[in-house]
Amino acid sequence: MLMPCEVAVKSVVPSIRAYIANELTQTYDMRQVDVAALLGITQTAISKYTNQIRGATLKISQTEEITSMLNDIASKLAKKQITQQQLIAEFCQVCKTARKTGIMCNLCRRSDPELDPETCQICKSTSMQCL
């Protein structure tokens, strides 16, 4: 059994990076090496995100709220209007929102087949806080 945070690290965070990498390379016409520098990862990782080799396990943009958050992050990155600390905080906020919407439930169930997504309230709980 994986903890919800482990599922998020393996699925939500890569999906966030993939969405933002695609947005920056396609909408803002940025080079992969520049996107990599903004996200603090390698150009190879950006290539894997944009080619859907990484970050494709979960379609993070399932809700308008999350899509709006991701587009806002990409815009701030493209305009260099966000610090690394702010970027981390915004990633955490997207992750929290993703968890509350229940888009991780099926992934959690894969790690624990006895988990019932209908009754599990761990991620949807307002008291659930990331570290």
N, C-alpha and C. Protein backbone atom coordinates (compact mmCIF):
# COMPACT_ATOMS: atom_id res chain seq x y z
N MET A 1 0.84 -1.18 0.00
CA MET A 1 0.00 0.00 0.00
C MET A 1 0.88 1.25 0.00
N LEU A 2 0.57 2.15 -0.90
CA LEU A 2 1.26 3.43 -0.93
C LEU A 2 0.43 4.47 -0.20
N MET A 3 1.09 5.35 0.48
CA MET A 3 0.41 6.47 1.13
C MET A 3 -0.02 7.45 0.05
N PRO A 4 -1.08 8.23 0.28
CA PRO A 4 -1.52 9.21 -0.73
C PRO A 4 -0.41 10.15 -1.19
N CYS A 5 0.46 10.55 -0.29
CA CYS A 5 1.56 11.44 -0.69
C CYS A 5 2.52 10.75 -1.66
N GLU A 6 2.71 9.44 -1.47
CA GLU A 6 3.57 8.70 -2.39
C GLU A 6 2.92 8.61 -3.77
N VAL A 7 1.63 8.40 -3.79
CA VAL A 7 0.90 8.37 -5.06
C VAL A 7 1.01 9.74 -5.74
N ALA A 8 0.89 10.79 -4.96
CA ALA A 8 0.99 12.15 -5.51
C ALA A 8 2.36 12.40 -6.11
N VAL A 9 3.40 11.97 -5.40
CA VAL A 9 4.77 12.18 -5.89
C VAL A 9 5.00 11.42 -7.20
N LYS A 10 4.41 10.24 -7.29
CA LYS A 10 4.62 9.40 -8.48
C LYS A 10 3.70 9.77 -9.65
N SER A 11 2.59 10.46 -9.36
CA SER A 11 1.64 10.73 -10.44
C SER A 11 1.28 12.20 -10.60
N VAL A 12 0.91 12.85 -9.52
CA VAL A 12 0.45 14.24 -9.61
C VAL A 12 1.59 15.18 -9.98
N VAL A 13 2.70 15.10 -9.27
CA VAL A 13 3.81 16.02 -9.53
C VAL A 13 4.34 15.86 -10.96
N PRO A 14 4.59 14.64 -11.44
CA PRO A 14 5.02 14.51 -12.84
C PRO A 14 3.97 15.04 -13.82
N SER A 15 2.69 14.86 -13.52
CA SER A 15 1.64 15.37 -14.40
C SER A 15 1.62 16.89 -14.42
N ILE A 16 1.85 17.50 -13.27
CA ILE A 16 1.94 18.96 -13.20
C ILE A 16 3.10 19.44 -14.06
N ARG A 17 4.26 18.82 -13.87
CA ARG A 17 5.44 19.20 -14.66
C ARG A 17 5.19 19.01 -16.16
N ALA A 18 4.56 17.90 -16.53
CA ALA A 18 4.30 17.63 -17.94
C ALA A 18 3.38 18.70 -18.53
N TYR A 19 2.33 19.03 -17.82
CA TYR A 19 1.40 20.05 -18.32
C TYR A 19 2.13 21.39 -18.49
N ILE A 20 2.88 21.79 -17.47
CA ILE A 20 3.57 23.08 -17.53
C ILE A 20 4.64 23.06 -18.62
N ALA A 21 5.37 21.96 -18.73
CA ALA A 21 6.39 21.86 -19.79
C ALA A 21 5.77 22.01 -21.17
N ASN A 22 4.65 21.34 -21.38
CA ASN A 22 3.96 21.45 -22.67
C ASN A 22 3.45 22.87 -22.90
N GLU A 23 2.89 23.46 -21.88
CA GLU A 23 2.37 24.83 -22.00
C GLU A 23 3.49 25.81 -22.34
N LEU A 24 4.61 25.69 -21.67
CA LEU A 24 5.72 26.62 -21.91
C LEU A 24 6.37 26.40 -23.28
N THR A 25 6.49 25.15 -23.70
CA THR A 25 7.13 24.91 -25.01
C THR A 25 6.19 25.20 -26.17
N GLN A 26 4.89 24.96 -25.98
CA GLN A 26 3.95 25.16 -27.08
C GLN A 26 3.34 26.56 -27.11
N THR A 27 2.76 26.97 -26.02
CA THR A 27 2.07 28.26 -25.98
C THR A 27 3.06 29.43 -25.94
N TYR A 28 4.12 29.26 -25.16
CA TYR A 28 5.07 30.36 -25.00
C TYR A 28 6.32 30.19 -25.87
N ASP A 29 6.35 29.11 -26.65
CA ASP A 29 7.43 28.86 -27.61
C ASP A 29 8.81 28.91 -26.96
N MET A 30 8.90 28.35 -25.77
CA MET A 30 10.18 28.33 -25.06
C MET A 30 10.97 27.08 -25.41
N ARG A 31 12.27 27.19 -25.34
CA ARG A 31 13.14 26.05 -25.58
C ARG A 31 13.13 25.13 -24.36
N GLN A 32 13.29 23.84 -24.61
CA GLN A 32 13.28 22.86 -23.52
C GLN A 32 14.33 23.17 -22.46
N VAL A 33 15.48 23.60 -22.88
CA VAL A 33 16.55 23.90 -21.92
C VAL A 33 16.16 25.06 -21.00
N ASP A 34 15.42 26.02 -21.54
CA ASP A 34 14.98 27.16 -20.73
C ASP A 34 13.85 26.74 -19.76
N VAL A 35 12.98 25.89 -20.23
CA VAL A 35 11.90 25.36 -19.37
C VAL A 35 12.52 24.54 -18.24
N ALA A 36 13.51 23.74 -18.58
CA ALA A 36 14.20 22.92 -17.57
C ALA A 36 14.80 23.80 -16.48
N ALA A 37 15.42 24.89 -16.88
CA ALA A 37 16.03 25.80 -15.90
C ALA A 37 14.97 26.40 -14.99
N LEU A 38 13.82 26.76 -15.55
CA LEU A 38 12.75 27.35 -14.74
C LEU A 38 12.18 26.35 -13.74
N LEU A 39 12.09 25.08 -14.14
CA LEU A 39 11.51 24.07 -13.27
C LEU A 39 12.54 23.36 -12.40
N GLY A 40 13.81 23.65 -12.63
CA GLY A 40 14.86 23.05 -11.82
C GLY A 40 15.07 21.57 -12.10
N ILE A 41 14.85 21.18 -13.35
CA ILE A 41 15.05 19.79 -13.76
C ILE A 41 15.87 19.78 -15.05
N THR A 42 16.17 18.60 -15.57
CA THR A 42 17.01 18.52 -16.76
C THR A 42 16.21 18.71 -18.05
N GLN A 43 16.92 19.03 -19.11
CA GLN A 43 16.30 19.14 -20.42
C GLN A 43 15.77 17.80 -20.87
N THR A 44 16.47 16.72 -20.50
CA THR A 44 16.01 15.37 -20.82
C THR A 44 14.66 15.09 -20.18
N ALA A 45 14.49 15.52 -18.95
CA ALA A 45 13.20 15.34 -18.27
C ALA A 45 12.09 16.10 -19.01
N ILE A 46 12.40 17.32 -19.44
CA ILE A 46 11.41 18.12 -20.20
C ILE A 46 11.04 17.39 -21.48
N SER A 47 12.01 16.83 -22.15
CA SER A 47 11.75 16.07 -23.38
C SER A 47 10.82 14.89 -23.09
N LYS A 48 11.06 14.20 -22.00
CA LYS A 48 10.20 13.06 -21.64
C LYS A 48 8.79 13.53 -21.28
N TYR A 49 8.68 14.69 -20.64
CA TYR A 49 7.35 15.21 -20.32
C TYR A 49 6.61 15.62 -21.59
N THR A 50 7.28 16.31 -22.49
CA THR A 50 6.60 16.78 -23.69
C THR A 50 6.28 15.66 -24.67
N ASN A 51 7.02 14.55 -24.59
CA ASN A 51 6.74 13.39 -25.44
C ASN A 51 5.88 12.35 -24.75
N GLN A 52 5.32 12.70 -23.61
CA GLN A 52 4.41 11.85 -22.83
C GLN A 52 5.03 10.53 -22.40
N ILE A 53 6.33 10.54 -22.18
CA ILE A 53 7.01 9.37 -21.63
C ILE A 53 6.91 9.41 -20.11
N ARG A 54 6.91 10.60 -19.57
CA ARG A 54 6.71 10.83 -18.13
C ARG A 54 5.49 11.72 -17.95
N GLY A 55 4.86 11.57 -16.81
CA GLY A 55 3.75 12.46 -16.47
C GLY A 55 2.43 12.17 -17.15
N ALA A 56 2.32 11.01 -17.77
CA ALA A 56 1.10 10.68 -18.49
C ALA A 56 0.18 9.73 -17.72
N THR A 57 0.60 9.31 -16.53
CA THR A 57 -0.21 8.38 -15.73
C THR A 57 -1.54 8.98 -15.34
N LEU A 58 -1.53 10.28 -15.09
CA LEU A 58 -2.72 10.97 -14.62
C LEU A 58 -2.96 12.20 -15.48
N LYS A 59 -4.17 12.36 -15.95
CA LYS A 59 -4.52 13.57 -16.71
C LYS A 59 -4.90 14.64 -15.68
N ILE A 60 -3.92 15.47 -15.35
CA ILE A 60 -4.07 16.45 -14.27
C ILE A 60 -5.09 17.54 -14.59
N SER A 61 -5.29 17.82 -15.85
CA SER A 61 -6.17 18.94 -16.23
C SER A 61 -7.63 18.51 -16.36
N GLN A 62 -8.08 17.64 -15.48
CA GLN A 62 -9.45 17.12 -15.56
C GLN A 62 -10.50 18.13 -15.11
N THR A 63 -10.09 19.12 -14.36
CA THR A 63 -11.05 20.13 -13.91
C THR A 63 -10.61 21.51 -14.36
N GLU A 64 -11.57 22.38 -14.53
CA GLU A 64 -11.28 23.76 -14.95
C GLU A 64 -10.43 24.47 -13.90
N GLU A 65 -10.70 24.17 -12.62
CA GLU A 65 -9.94 24.81 -11.54
C GLU A 65 -8.45 24.48 -11.63
N ILE A 66 -8.14 23.21 -11.84
CA ILE A 66 -6.74 22.79 -11.93
C ILE A 66 -6.11 23.34 -13.20
N THR A 67 -6.80 23.28 -14.31
CA THR A 67 -6.27 23.82 -15.56
C THR A 67 -5.95 25.31 -15.41
N SER A 68 -6.83 26.04 -14.78
CA SER A 68 -6.61 27.46 -14.55
C SER A 68 -5.36 27.69 -13.69
N MET A 69 -5.20 26.88 -12.65
CA MET A 69 -4.02 27.00 -11.78
C MET A 69 -2.74 26.72 -12.56
N LEU A 70 -2.77 25.67 -13.38
CA LEU A 70 -1.58 25.29 -14.16
C LEU A 70 -1.24 26.36 -15.20
N ASN A 71 -2.25 26.89 -15.86
CA ASN A 71 -2.00 27.95 -16.85
C ASN A 71 -1.43 29.20 -16.17
N ASP A 72 -1.90 29.49 -14.98
CA ASP A 72 -1.40 30.64 -14.23
C ASP A 72 0.08 30.44 -13.86
N ILE A 73 0.43 29.25 -13.41
CA ILE A 73 1.83 28.95 -13.09
C ILE A 73 2.70 29.09 -14.33
N ALA A 74 2.25 28.53 -15.44
CA ALA A 74 3.03 28.60 -16.69
C ALA A 74 3.22 30.05 -17.11
N SER A 75 2.18 30.85 -17.01
CA SER A 75 2.28 32.27 -17.37
C SER A 75 3.29 32.99 -16.49
N LYS A 76 3.23 32.75 -15.19
CA LYS A 76 4.17 33.39 -14.27
C LYS A 76 5.60 32.96 -14.56
N LEU A 77 5.79 31.68 -14.87
CA LEU A 77 7.13 31.20 -15.21
C LEU A 77 7.63 31.85 -16.49
N ALA A 78 6.78 31.90 -17.50
CA ALA A 78 7.18 32.48 -18.79
C ALA A 78 7.56 33.95 -18.64
N LYS A 79 6.85 34.64 -17.77
CA LYS A 79 7.11 36.07 -17.56
C LYS A 79 8.11 36.34 -16.45
N LYS A 80 8.65 35.26 -15.88
CA LYS A 80 9.61 35.34 -14.77
C LYS A 80 9.05 36.16 -13.61
N GLN A 81 7.79 35.88 -13.29
CA GLN A 81 7.10 36.59 -12.22
C GLN A 81 6.86 35.71 -11.00
N ILE A 82 7.69 34.70 -10.82
CA ILE A 82 7.51 33.78 -9.71
C ILE A 82 8.87 33.31 -9.20
N THR A 83 9.01 33.28 -7.89
CA THR A 83 10.24 32.78 -7.29
C THR A 83 10.16 31.26 -7.14
N GLN A 84 11.28 30.62 -6.85
CA GLN A 84 11.28 29.18 -6.64
C GLN A 84 10.39 28.79 -5.46
N GLN A 85 10.42 29.59 -4.39
CA GLN A 85 9.58 29.30 -3.23
C GLN A 85 8.10 29.42 -3.58
N GLN A 86 7.75 30.43 -4.36
CA GLN A 86 6.36 30.59 -4.79
C GLN A 86 5.95 29.44 -5.70
N LEU A 87 6.86 29.00 -6.56
CA LEU A 87 6.59 27.88 -7.46
C LEU A 87 6.29 26.61 -6.65
N ILE A 88 7.08 26.37 -5.63
CA ILE A 88 6.86 25.20 -4.78
C ILE A 88 5.49 25.29 -4.11
N ALA A 89 5.17 26.46 -3.58
CA ALA A 89 3.88 26.65 -2.91
C ALA A 89 2.72 26.43 -3.90
N GLU A 90 2.87 26.90 -5.12
CA GLU A 90 1.80 26.73 -6.11
C GLU A 90 1.67 25.27 -6.55
N PHE A 91 2.80 24.55 -6.67
CA PHE A 91 2.74 23.12 -6.97
C PHE A 91 1.96 22.40 -5.86
N CYS A 92 2.27 22.75 -4.61
CA CYS A 92 1.58 22.12 -3.47
C CYS A 92 0.08 22.42 -3.52
N GLN A 93 -0.26 23.63 -3.90
CA GLN A 93 -1.68 23.99 -3.98
C GLN A 93 -2.39 23.19 -5.07
N VAL A 94 -1.74 23.01 -6.20
CA VAL A 94 -2.33 22.20 -7.28
C VAL A 94 -2.50 20.76 -6.79
N CYS A 95 -1.49 20.25 -6.11
CA CYS A 95 -1.56 18.88 -5.61
C CYS A 95 -2.71 18.73 -4.62
N LYS A 96 -2.86 19.66 -3.71
CA LYS A 96 -3.96 19.62 -2.74
C LYS A 96 -5.31 19.65 -3.46
N THR A 97 -5.41 20.51 -4.46
CA THR A 97 -6.66 20.62 -5.21
C THR A 97 -6.94 19.32 -5.95
N ALA A 98 -5.92 18.73 -6.54
CA ALA A 98 -6.08 17.45 -7.25
C ALA A 98 -6.55 16.37 -6.29
N ARG A 99 -5.99 16.36 -5.12
CA ARG A 99 -6.38 15.34 -4.13
C ARG A 99 -7.83 15.53 -3.71
N LYS A 100 -8.22 16.76 -3.49
CA LYS A 100 -9.60 17.04 -3.06
C LYS A 100 -10.63 16.69 -4.12
N THR A 101 -10.25 16.80 -5.39
CA THR A 101 -11.19 16.47 -6.46
C THR A 101 -11.37 14.97 -6.64
N GLY A 102 -10.47 14.18 -6.07
CA GLY A 102 -10.59 12.72 -6.16
C GLY A 102 -9.96 12.11 -7.39
N ILE A 103 -9.18 12.88 -8.15
CA ILE A 103 -8.61 12.31 -9.38
C ILE A 103 -7.50 11.30 -9.11
N MET A 104 -7.04 11.22 -7.87
CA MET A 104 -6.02 10.24 -7.52
C MET A 104 -6.61 8.92 -7.03
N CYS A 105 -7.90 8.88 -6.77
CA CYS A 105 -8.53 7.72 -6.13
C CYS A 105 -8.23 6.40 -6.83
N ASN A 106 -8.34 6.37 -8.14
CA ASN A 106 -8.09 5.11 -8.85
C ASN A 106 -6.64 4.67 -8.74
N LEU A 107 -5.72 5.63 -8.68
CA LEU A 107 -4.31 5.29 -8.52
C LEU A 107 -4.05 4.74 -7.12
N CYS A 108 -4.70 5.33 -6.12
CA CYS A 108 -4.57 4.81 -4.75
C CYS A 108 -5.13 3.39 -4.67
N ARG A 109 -6.22 3.17 -5.37
CA ARG A 109 -6.84 1.84 -5.35
C ARG A 109 -5.93 0.79 -5.97
N ARG A 110 -5.16 1.19 -6.98
CA ARG A 110 -4.21 0.24 -7.58
C ARG A 110 -3.19 -0.23 -6.55
N SER A 111 -2.79 0.66 -5.64
CA SER A 111 -1.79 0.29 -4.63
C SER A 111 -2.43 -0.48 -3.48
N ASP A 112 -3.74 -0.33 -3.31
CA ASP A 112 -4.47 -1.03 -2.25
C ASP A 112 -5.84 -1.43 -2.80
N PRO A 113 -5.95 -2.62 -3.40
CA PRO A 113 -7.21 -3.05 -4.02
C PRO A 113 -8.41 -3.08 -3.07
N GLU A 114 -8.16 -3.12 -1.77
CA GLU A 114 -9.26 -3.14 -0.82
C GLU A 114 -9.79 -1.74 -0.52
N LEU A 115 -9.12 -0.73 -0.99
CA LEU A 115 -9.54 0.65 -0.77
C LEU A 115 -10.83 0.92 -1.55
N ASP A 116 -11.78 1.51 -0.91
CA ASP A 116 -13.04 1.89 -1.56
C ASP A 116 -13.03 3.40 -1.77
N PRO A 117 -12.81 3.86 -2.99
CA PRO A 117 -12.76 5.30 -3.26
C PRO A 117 -14.03 6.04 -2.87
N GLU A 118 -15.14 5.33 -2.82
CA GLU A 118 -16.41 5.96 -2.46
C GLU A 118 -16.46 6.35 -0.98
N THR A 119 -15.79 5.58 -0.13
CA THR A 119 -15.84 5.86 1.31
C THR A 119 -14.56 6.50 1.83
N CYS A 120 -13.47 6.41 1.10
CA CYS A 120 -12.20 6.99 1.55
C CYS A 120 -12.29 8.52 1.49
N GLN A 121 -11.96 9.14 2.57
CA GLN A 121 -12.02 10.61 2.64
C GLN A 121 -10.67 11.22 2.98
N ILE A 122 -9.60 10.44 2.90
CA ILE A 122 -8.28 10.91 3.32
C ILE A 122 -7.87 12.16 2.54
N CYS A 123 -7.90 12.10 1.24
CA CYS A 123 -7.45 13.24 0.42
C CYS A 123 -8.45 14.37 0.38
N LYS A 124 -9.72 14.04 0.54
CA LYS A 124 -10.76 15.05 0.44
C LYS A 124 -10.97 15.82 1.74
N SER A 125 -10.37 15.32 2.81
CA SER A 125 -10.52 15.95 4.12
C SER A 125 -9.88 17.33 4.13
N THR A 126 -10.59 18.29 4.70
CA THR A 126 -10.05 19.67 4.78
C THR A 126 -8.89 19.75 5.75
N SER A 127 -8.76 18.77 6.65
CA SER A 127 -7.66 18.79 7.60
C SER A 127 -6.39 18.18 7.01
N MET A 128 -6.48 17.56 5.82
CA MET A 128 -5.33 16.94 5.19
C MET A 128 -4.35 18.03 4.74
N GLN A 129 -3.16 17.99 5.25
CA GLN A 129 -2.15 18.99 4.90
C GLN A 129 -0.91 18.31 4.40
N CYS A 130 -0.32 18.86 3.36
CA CYS A 130 0.97 18.37 2.89
C CYS A 130 2.05 18.93 3.80
N LEU A 131 3.14 18.23 3.88
CA LEU A 131 4.25 18.71 4.71
C LEU A 131 5.04 19.75 4.00
